[in-house]
Amino acid sequence: MTYPDNSPPPSKDDWQGFREVDRAIAENRLTAYSWKKAWADPLGRLKLILIFVGLAAFVGFVVVQDLIL
């Protein structure tokens, strides 16, 4: 029997907290791979840059408006 999260089957001595940490590490690897893959694609890189520039502009706008008011 296989488990969808690629973790070993639960046992009596298994600690739930360690299983959650193991799964978080595995998901972080998938996230890092996705970021690297998106950055390697020219169109994906452009999208990421535009999103971050837009977020930075919004934060700048909010800070400036907060200082003025």
Protein backbone atom coordinates (compact mmCIF):
# COMPACT_ATOMS: atom_id res chain seq x y z
CA MET A 1 0.00 0.00 0.00
CA THR A 2 1.39 3.43 -0.91
CA TYR A 3 0.67 6.69 0.84
CA PRO A 4 0.06 9.88 -1.17
CA ASP A 5 2.46 12.04 0.84
CA ASN A 6 5.33 9.53 0.37
CA SER A 7 5.64 9.04 4.11
CA PRO A 8 6.03 5.64 5.72
CA PRO A 9 2.97 4.00 7.19
CA PRO A 10 2.12 5.16 10.72
CA SER A 11 3.27 3.02 13.62
CA LYS A 12 2.78 3.05 17.37
CA ASP A 13 6.14 4.78 17.92
CA ASP A 14 5.56 7.39 15.19
CA TRP A 15 5.35 11.02 16.30
CA GLN A 16 2.89 13.11 14.33
CA GLY A 17 5.01 16.26 14.61
CA PHE A 18 7.98 14.67 12.86
CA ARG A 19 5.79 13.49 10.00
CA GLU A 20 4.54 17.06 9.53
CA VAL A 21 8.10 18.40 9.47
CA ASP A 22 9.12 15.76 6.94
CA ARG A 23 6.21 16.67 4.70
CA ALA A 24 6.97 20.39 4.98
CA ILE A 25 10.56 19.74 3.90
CA ALA A 26 9.32 17.74 0.92
CA GLU A 27 6.90 20.49 -0.10
CA ASN A 28 9.63 23.10 0.21
CA ARG A 29 11.72 21.13 -2.26
CA LEU A 30 8.81 21.13 -4.68
CA THR A 31 8.36 24.86 -4.19
CA ALA A 32 12.05 25.54 -4.80
CA TYR A 33 11.93 23.42 -7.96
CA SER A 34 8.87 25.33 -9.19
CA TRP A 35 10.57 28.70 -8.59
CA LYS A 36 13.73 27.58 -10.42
CA LYS A 37 11.67 26.24 -13.31
CA ALA A 38 9.65 29.46 -13.57
CA TRP A 39 12.84 31.56 -13.45
CA ALA A 40 14.44 29.52 -16.24
CA ASP A 41 11.52 30.23 -18.58
CA PRO A 42 11.86 33.72 -20.16
CA LEU A 43 8.12 34.38 -20.05
CA GLY A 44 7.90 33.06 -16.50
CA ARG A 45 10.79 35.31 -15.49
CA LEU A 46 9.04 38.32 -16.99
CA LYS A 47 5.85 37.48 -15.10
CA LEU A 48 7.74 37.12 -11.81
CA ILE A 49 9.55 40.42 -12.32
CA LEU A 50 6.31 42.23 -13.16
CA ILE A 51 4.56 40.78 -10.11
CA PHE A 52 7.39 41.78 -7.77
CA VAL A 53 7.64 45.26 -9.29
CA GLY A 54 3.88 45.66 -8.89
CA LEU A 55 4.02 44.54 -5.26
CA ALA A 56 6.93 46.88 -4.55
CA ALA A 57 5.05 49.77 -6.17
CA PHE A 58 1.97 49.01 -4.09
CA VAL A 59 3.98 48.86 -0.85
CA GLY A 60 5.71 52.10 -1.78
CA PHE A 61 2.37 53.73 -2.50
CA VAL A 62 0.93 52.60 0.83
CA VAL A 63 3.97 53.85 2.75
CA VAL A 64 3.89 57.23 1.02
CA GLN A 65 0.15 57.62 1.57
CA ASP A 66 0.52 56.64 5.22
CA LEU A 67 3.24 59.27 5.74
CA ILE A 68 1.19 61.99 4.02
CA LEU A 69 -1.98 61.33 5.99
